[in-house]
Amino acid sequence: MIYSFIIVCILNSPTECPVKFEDELGPYNTTAECYLRGAEMIALISYKFPITAATANCVQKEKEDKVEEENT
């Protein structure tokens, strides 16, 4: 499973650089799909904030299994 996230720097916000945004729609089957989603995320955030730098990243992780605890 491939997950997407982006790292951006926002203009006039030096204490908030870099800022990481994780994708909530994934995971993706291919790296290409993952990077396309990253590009889409950057475009969407640029409508709301003036971005000075941005990068899309993808990471491959195994699906996390939930472990249930038993109370005895």
PDB file of N, CA and C in Angstrom:
ATOM      1  N   MET A   1       0.845  -1.168   0.000  1.00  0.00           N
ATOM      2  CA  MET A   1       0.000   0.000   0.000  1.00  0.00           C
ATOM      3  C   MET A   1       0.899   1.243   0.000  1.00  0.00           C
ATOM      4  N   ILE A   2       0.580   2.175  -0.862  1.00  0.00           N
ATOM      5  CA  ILE A   2       1.391   3.383  -1.007  1.00  0.00           C
ATOM      6  C   ILE A   2       0.580   4.584  -0.518  1.00  0.00           C
ATOM      7  N   TYR A   3       1.176   5.365   0.354  1.00  0.00           N
ATOM      8  CA  TYR A   3       0.518   6.526   0.953  1.00  0.00           C
ATOM      9  C   TYR A   3       1.210   7.802   0.501  1.00  0.00           C
ATOM     10  N   SER A   4       0.422   8.859   0.310  1.00  0.00           N
ATOM     11  CA  SER A   4       0.929  10.144  -0.157  1.00  0.00           C
ATOM     12  C   SER A   4       0.916  11.174   0.963  1.00  0.00           C
ATOM     13  N   PHE A   5       1.919  12.050   0.949  1.00  0.00           N
ATOM     14  CA  PHE A   5       1.928  13.215   1.818  1.00  0.00           C
ATOM     15  C   PHE A   5       2.716  14.307   1.130  1.00  0.00           C
ATOM     16  N   ILE A   6       2.469  15.539   1.530  1.00  0.00           N
ATOM     17  CA  ILE A   6       3.195  16.662   0.946  1.00  0.00           C
ATOM     18  C   ILE A   6       3.847  17.478   2.059  1.00  0.00           C
ATOM     19  N   ILE A   7       4.901  18.166   1.678  1.00  0.00           N
ATOM     20  CA  ILE A   7       5.591  19.083   2.584  1.00  0.00           C
ATOM     21  C   ILE A   7       5.639  20.431   1.873  1.00  0.00           C
ATOM     22  N   VAL A   8       5.143  21.473   2.544  1.00  0.00           N
ATOM     23  CA  VAL A   8       5.093  22.799   1.936  1.00  0.00           C
ATOM     24  C   VAL A   8       5.665  23.851   2.876  1.00  0.00           C
ATOM     25  N   CYS A   9       6.087  24.946   2.284  1.00  0.00           N
ATOM     26  CA  CYS A   9       6.458  26.152   3.034  1.00  0.00           C
ATOM     27  C   CYS A   9       5.479  27.237   2.620  1.00  0.00           C
ATOM     28  N   ILE A  10       4.926  27.897   3.616  1.00  0.00           N
ATOM     29  CA  ILE A  10       3.913  28.918   3.373  1.00  0.00           C
ATOM     30  C   ILE A  10       4.546  30.298   3.535  1.00  0.00           C
ATOM     31  N   LEU A  11       4.277  31.190   2.595  1.00  0.00           N
ATOM     32  CA  LEU A  11       4.831  32.542   2.592  1.00  0.00           C
ATOM     33  C   LEU A  11       4.464  33.280   3.881  1.00  0.00           C
ATOM     34  N   ASN A  12       5.407  34.051   4.404  1.00  0.00           N
ATOM     35  CA  ASN A  12       5.220  34.859   5.618  1.00  0.00           C
ATOM     36  C   ASN A  12       4.908  34.014   6.856  1.00  0.00           C
ATOM     37  N   SER A  13       5.377  32.798   6.853  1.00  0.00           N
ATOM     38  CA  SER A  13       5.150  31.928   8.003  1.00  0.00           C
ATOM     39  C   SER A  13       6.418  31.107   8.267  1.00  0.00           C
ATOM     40  N   PRO A  14       7.519  31.784   8.638  1.00  0.00           N
ATOM     41  CA  PRO A  14       8.791  31.069   8.805  1.00  0.00           C
ATOM     42  C   PRO A  14       8.773  30.033   9.931  1.00  0.00           C
ATOM     43  N   THR A  15       7.921  30.216  10.923  1.00  0.00           N
ATOM     44  CA  THR A  15       7.871  29.238  12.007  1.00  0.00           C
ATOM     45  C   THR A  15       7.072  28.002  11.615  1.00  0.00           C
ATOM     46  N   GLU A  16       6.340  28.097  10.535  1.00  0.00           N
ATOM     47  CA  GLU A  16       5.529  26.976  10.065  1.00  0.00           C
ATOM     48  C   GLU A  16       6.116  26.350   8.803  1.00  0.00           C
ATOM     49  N   CYS A  17       7.415  26.379   8.666  1.00  0.00           N
ATOM     50  CA  CYS A  17       8.047  25.801   7.490  1.00  0.00           C
ATOM     51  C   CYS A  17       9.076  24.778   7.959  1.00  0.00           C
ATOM     52  N   PRO A  18       8.977  23.570   7.570  1.00  0.00           N
ATOM     53  CA  PRO A  18       7.994  22.973   6.673  1.00  0.00           C
ATOM     54  C   PRO A  18       6.732  22.517   7.407  1.00  0.00           C
ATOM     55  N   VAL A  19       5.656  22.392   6.622  1.00  0.00           N
ATOM     56  CA  VAL A  19       4.383  21.885   7.132  1.00  0.00           C
ATOM     57  C   VAL A  19       4.071  20.604   6.369  1.00  0.00           C
ATOM     58  N   LYS A  20       3.707  19.563   7.099  1.00  0.00           N
ATOM     59  CA  LYS A  20       3.398  18.276   6.477  1.00  0.00           C
ATOM     60  C   LYS A  20       1.884  18.070   6.463  1.00  0.00           C
ATOM     61  N   PHE A  21       1.366  17.691   5.291  1.00  0.00           N
ATOM     62  CA  PHE A  21      -0.043  17.347   5.140  1.00  0.00           C
ATOM     63  C   PHE A  21      -0.121  15.903   4.662  1.00  0.00           C
ATOM     64  N   GLU A  22      -0.867  15.078   5.372  1.00  0.00           N
ATOM     65  CA  GLU A  22      -1.026  13.678   4.983  1.00  0.00           C
ATOM     66  C   GLU A  22      -2.343  13.491   4.244  1.00  0.00           C
ATOM     67  N   ASP A  23      -2.305  12.670   3.221  1.00  0.00           N
ATOM     68  CA  ASP A  23      -3.486  12.372   2.421  1.00  0.00           C
ATOM     69  C   ASP A  23      -4.446  11.492   3.210  1.00  0.00           C
ATOM     70  N   GLU A  24      -5.719  11.815   3.134  1.00  0.00           N
ATOM     71  CA  GLU A  24      -6.734  11.023   3.817  1.00  0.00           C
ATOM     72  C   GLU A  24      -7.536  10.151   2.857  1.00  0.00           C
ATOM     73  N   LEU A  25      -7.224  10.205   1.558  1.00  0.00           N
ATOM     74  CA  LEU A  25      -7.977   9.432   0.577  1.00  0.00           C
ATOM     75  C   LEU A  25      -7.319   8.098   0.229  1.00  0.00           C
ATOM     76  N   GLY A  26      -6.001   7.991   0.419  1.00  0.00           N
ATOM     77  CA  GLY A  26      -5.256   6.801   0.023  1.00  0.00           C
ATOM     78  C   GLY A  26      -5.595   5.608   0.868  1.00  0.00           C
ATOM     79  N   PRO A  27      -4.949   4.516   0.696  1.00  0.00           N
ATOM     80  CA  PRO A  27      -3.710   4.275  -0.034  1.00  0.00           C
ATOM     81  C   PRO A  27      -3.937   4.050  -1.538  1.00  0.00           C
ATOM     82  N   TYR A  28      -2.823   4.014  -2.271  1.00  0.00           N
ATOM     83  CA  TYR A  28      -2.850   3.877  -3.720  1.00  0.00           C
ATOM     84  C   TYR A  28      -2.121   2.597  -4.131  1.00  0.00           C
ATOM     85  N   ASN A  29      -2.488   2.112  -5.322  1.00  0.00           N
ATOM     86  CA  ASN A  29      -1.894   0.865  -5.812  1.00  0.00           C
ATOM     87  C   ASN A  29      -0.565   1.081  -6.518  1.00  0.00           C
ATOM     88  N   THR A  30      -0.386   2.251  -7.152  1.00  0.00           N
ATOM     89  CA  THR A  30       0.846   2.512  -7.891  1.00  0.00           C
ATOM     90  C   THR A  30       1.494   3.812  -7.417  1.00  0.00           C
ATOM     91  N   THR A  31       2.780   3.917  -7.667  1.00  0.00           N
ATOM     92  CA  THR A  31       3.516   5.127  -7.316  1.00  0.00           C
ATOM     93  C   THR A  31       3.007   6.313  -8.134  1.00  0.00           C
ATOM     94  N   ALA A  32       2.657   6.070  -9.398  1.00  0.00           N
ATOM     95  CA  ALA A  32       2.153   7.149 -10.252  1.00  0.00           C
ATOM     96  C   ALA A  32       0.864   7.751  -9.674  1.00  0.00           C
ATOM     97  N   GLU A  33      -0.056   6.897  -9.241  1.00  0.00           N
ATOM     98  CA  GLU A  33      -1.292   7.382  -8.623  1.00  0.00           C
ATOM     99  C   GLU A  33      -0.989   8.203  -7.375  1.00  0.00           C
ATOM    100  N   CYS A  34      -0.019   7.751  -6.607  1.00  0.00           N
ATOM    101  CA  CYS A  34       0.362   8.423  -5.373  1.00  0.00           C
ATOM    102  C   CYS A  34       0.896   9.831  -5.661  1.00  0.00           C
ATOM    103  N   TYR A  35       1.804   9.953  -6.623  1.00  0.00           N
ATOM    104  CA  TYR A  35       2.364  11.267  -6.937  1.00  0.00           C
ATOM    105  C   TYR A  35       1.330  12.192  -7.583  1.00  0.00           C
ATOM    106  N   LEU A  36       0.411  11.628  -8.354  1.00  0.00           N
ATOM    107  CA  LEU A  36      -0.665  12.445  -8.910  1.00  0.00           C
ATOM    108  C   LEU A  36      -1.532  13.014  -7.793  1.00  0.00           C
ATOM    109  N   ARG A  37      -1.806  12.213  -6.786  1.00  0.00           N
ATOM    110  CA  ARG A  37      -2.573  12.705  -5.638  1.00  0.00           C
ATOM    111  C   ARG A  37      -1.789  13.788  -4.904  1.00  0.00           C
ATOM    112  N   GLY A  38      -0.476  13.618  -4.762  1.00  0.00           N
ATOM    113  CA  GLY A  38       0.346  14.641  -4.127  1.00  0.00           C
ATOM    114  C   GLY A  38       0.281  15.961  -4.877  1.00  0.00           C
ATOM    115  N   ALA A  39       0.329  15.897  -6.199  1.00  0.00           N
ATOM    116  CA  ALA A  39       0.236  17.111  -7.013  1.00  0.00           C
ATOM    117  C   ALA A  39      -1.129  17.772  -6.841  1.00  0.00           C
ATOM    118  N   GLU A  40      -2.173  16.954  -6.760  1.00  0.00           N
ATOM    119  CA  GLU A  40      -3.516  17.484  -6.542  1.00  0.00           C
ATOM    120  C   GLU A  40      -3.617  18.174  -5.181  1.00  0.00           C
ATOM    121  N   MET A  41      -3.013  17.573  -4.159  1.00  0.00           N
ATOM    122  CA  MET A  41      -3.030  18.164  -2.820  1.00  0.00           C
ATOM    123  C   MET A  41      -2.313  19.513  -2.809  1.00  0.00           C
ATOM    124  N   ILE A  42      -1.167  19.593  -3.492  1.00  0.00           N
ATOM    125  CA  ILE A  42      -0.424  20.856  -3.557  1.00  0.00           C
ATOM    126  C   ILE A  42      -1.277  21.931  -4.234  1.00  0.00           C
ATOM    127  N   ALA A  43      -1.942  21.567  -5.324  1.00  0.00           N
ATOM    128  CA  ALA A  43      -2.792  22.531  -6.030  1.00  0.00           C
ATOM    129  C   ALA A  43      -3.924  23.016  -5.131  1.00  0.00           C
ATOM    130  N   LEU A  44      -4.554  22.098  -4.410  1.00  0.00           N
ATOM    131  CA  LEU A  44      -5.666  22.482  -3.534  1.00  0.00           C
ATOM    132  C   LEU A  44      -5.205  23.399  -2.400  1.00  0.00           C
ATOM    133  N   ILE A  45      -4.061  23.114  -1.817  1.00  0.00           N
ATOM    134  CA  ILE A  45      -3.560  23.943  -0.716  1.00  0.00           C
ATOM    135  C   ILE A  45      -3.106  25.312  -1.215  1.00  0.00           C
ATOM    136  N   SER A  46      -2.603  25.354  -2.458  1.00  0.00           N
ATOM    137  CA  SER A  46      -2.141  26.642  -2.991  1.00  0.00           C
ATOM    138  C   SER A  46      -3.297  27.616  -3.217  1.00  0.00           C
ATOM    139  N   TYR A  47      -4.524  27.129  -3.314  1.00  0.00           N
ATOM    140  CA  TYR A  47      -5.675  28.018  -3.412  1.00  0.00           C
ATOM    141  C   TYR A  47      -5.943  28.719  -2.084  1.00  0.00           C
ATOM    142  N   LYS A  48      -5.555  28.084  -0.996  1.00  0.00           N
ATOM    143  CA  LYS A  48      -5.858  28.616   0.334  1.00  0.00           C
ATOM    144  C   LYS A  48      -4.678  29.384   0.943  1.00  0.00           C
ATOM    145  N   PHE A  49      -3.445  28.948   0.659  1.00  0.00           N
ATOM    146  CA  PHE A  49      -2.242  29.550   1.240  1.00  0.00           C
ATOM    147  C   PHE A  49      -1.241  29.880   0.140  1.00  0.00           C
ATOM    148  N   PRO A  50      -0.490  30.980   0.282  1.00  0.00           N
ATOM    149  CA  PRO A  50       0.586  31.274  -0.685  1.00  0.00           C
ATOM    150  C   PRO A  50       1.801  30.389  -0.379  1.00  0.00           C
ATOM    151  N   ILE A  51       2.085  29.469  -1.254  1.00  0.00           N
ATOM    152  CA  ILE A  51       3.155  28.486  -1.038  1.00  0.00           C
ATOM    153  C   ILE A  51       4.437  28.957  -1.714  1.00  0.00           C
ATOM    154  N   THR A  52       5.556  28.880  -0.994  1.00  0.00           N
ATOM    155  CA  THR A  52       6.854  29.236  -1.579  1.00  0.00           C
ATOM    156  C   THR A  52       7.608  28.007  -2.059  1.00  0.00           C
ATOM    157  N   ALA A  53       7.361  26.843  -1.464  1.00  0.00           N
ATOM    158  CA  ALA A  53       8.006  25.596  -1.875  1.00  0.00           C
ATOM    159  C   ALA A  53       7.091  24.441  -1.506  1.00  0.00           C
ATOM    160  N   ALA A  54       7.120  23.387  -2.324  1.00  0.00           N
ATOM    161  CA  ALA A  54       6.282  22.224  -2.037  1.00  0.00           C
ATOM    162  C   ALA A  54       6.895  20.986  -2.674  1.00  0.00           C
ATOM    163  N   THR A  55       6.671  19.860  -2.027  1.00  0.00           N
ATOM    164  CA  THR A  55       7.106  18.585  -2.581  1.00  0.00           C
ATOM    165  C   THR A  55       6.086  17.514  -2.232  1.00  0.00           C
ATOM    166  N   ALA A  56       5.843  16.635  -3.190  1.00  0.00           N
ATOM    167  CA  ALA A  56       4.961  15.492  -2.957  1.00  0.00           C
ATOM    168  C   ALA A  56       5.843  14.275  -2.678  1.00  0.00           C
ATOM    169  N   ASN A  57       5.418  13.465  -1.735  1.00  0.00           N
ATOM    170  CA  ASN A  57       6.184  12.287  -1.350  1.00  0.00           C
ATOM    171  C   ASN A  57       5.262  11.090  -1.231  1.00  0.00           C
ATOM    172  N   CYS A  58       5.839   9.919  -1.449  1.00  0.00           N
ATOM    173  CA  CYS A  58       5.093   8.680  -1.315  1.00  0.00           C
ATOM    174  C   CYS A  58       5.899   7.713  -0.464  1.00  0.00           C
ATOM    175  N   VAL A  59       5.187   6.963   0.356  1.00  0.00           N
ATOM    176  CA  VAL A  59       5.832   5.991   1.222  1.00  0.00           C
ATOM    177  C   VAL A  59       5.027   4.695   1.166  1.00  0.00           C
ATOM    178  N   GLN A  60       5.748   3.594   1.139  1.00  0.00           N
ATOM    179  CA  GLN A  60       5.083   2.296   1.103  1.00  0.00           C
ATOM    180  C   GLN A  60       5.035   1.726   2.519  1.00  0.00           C
ATOM    181  N   LYS A  61       3.830   1.389   2.961  1.00  0.00           N
ATOM    182  CA  LYS A  61       3.643   0.825   4.290  1.00  0.00           C
ATOM    183  C   LYS A  61       2.707  -0.364   4.185  1.00  0.00           C
ATOM    184  N   GLU A  62       2.901  -1.280   5.087  1.00  0.00           N
ATOM    185  CA  GLU A  62       1.965  -2.389   5.190  1.00  0.00           C
ATOM    186  C   GLU A  62       0.732  -1.910   5.923  1.00  0.00           C
ATOM    187  N   LYS A  63      -0.381  -2.530   5.638  1.00  0.00           N
ATOM    188  CA  LYS A  63      -1.616  -2.180   6.321  1.00  0.00           C
ATOM    189  C   LYS A  63      -1.483  -2.492   7.797  1.00  0.00           C
ATOM    190  N   GLU A  64      -1.856  -1.509   8.632  1.00  0.00           N
ATOM    191  CA  GLU A  64      -1.739  -1.700  10.074  1.00  0.00           C
ATOM    192  C   GLU A  64      -2.952  -2.463  10.579  1.00  0.00           C
ATOM    193  N   ASP A  65      -2.687  -3.539  11.301  1.00  0.00           N
ATOM    194  CA  ASP A  65      -3.767  -4.328  11.877  1.00  0.00           C
ATOM    195  C   ASP A  65      -4.095  -3.785  13.254  1.00  0.00           C
ATOM    196  N   LYS A  66      -5.376  -3.736  13.554  1.00  0.00           N
ATOM    197  CA  LYS A  66      -5.792  -3.294  14.875  1.00  0.00           C
ATOM    198  C   LYS A  66      -5.667  -4.455  15.845  1.00  0.00           C
ATOM    199  N   VAL A  67      -5.108  -4.179  16.979  1.00  0.00           N
ATOM    200  CA  VAL A  67      -4.951  -5.184  18.007  1.00  0.00           C
ATOM    201  C   VAL A  67      -5.931  -4.852  19.127  1.00  0.00           C
ATOM    202  N   GLU A  68      -6.757  -5.806  19.449  1.00  0.00           N
ATOM    203  CA  GLU A  68      -7.724  -5.589  20.516  1.00  0.00           C
ATOM    204  C   GLU A  68      -7.157  -6.074  21.828  1.00  0.00           C
ATOM    205  N   GLU A  69      -7.340  -5.269  22.847  1.00  0.00           N
ATOM    206  CA  GLU A  69      -6.872  -5.642  24.175  1.00  0.00           C
ATOM    207  C   GLU A  69      -8.026  -6.254  24.956  1.00  0.00           C
ATOM    208  N   GLU A  70      -7.694  -7.264  25.692  1.00  0.00           N
ATOM    209  CA  GLU A  70      -8.711  -7.893  26.529  1.00  0.00           C
ATOM    210  C   GLU A  70      -8.529  -7.431  27.951  1.00  0.00           C
ATOM    211  N   ASN A  71      -9.616  -7.048  28.574  1.00  0.00           N
ATOM    212  CA  ASN A  71      -9.575  -6.669  29.980  1.00  0.00           C
ATOM    213  C   ASN A  71      -9.917  -7.898  30.819  1.00  0.00           C
ATOM    214  N   THR A  72      -9.043  -8.274  31.719  1.00  0.00           N
ATOM    215  CA  THR A  72      -9.314  -9.441  32.561  1.00  0.00           C
ATOM    216  C   THR A  72      -9.384  -9.036  34.004  1.00  0.00           C
TER     217      THR A  72
END
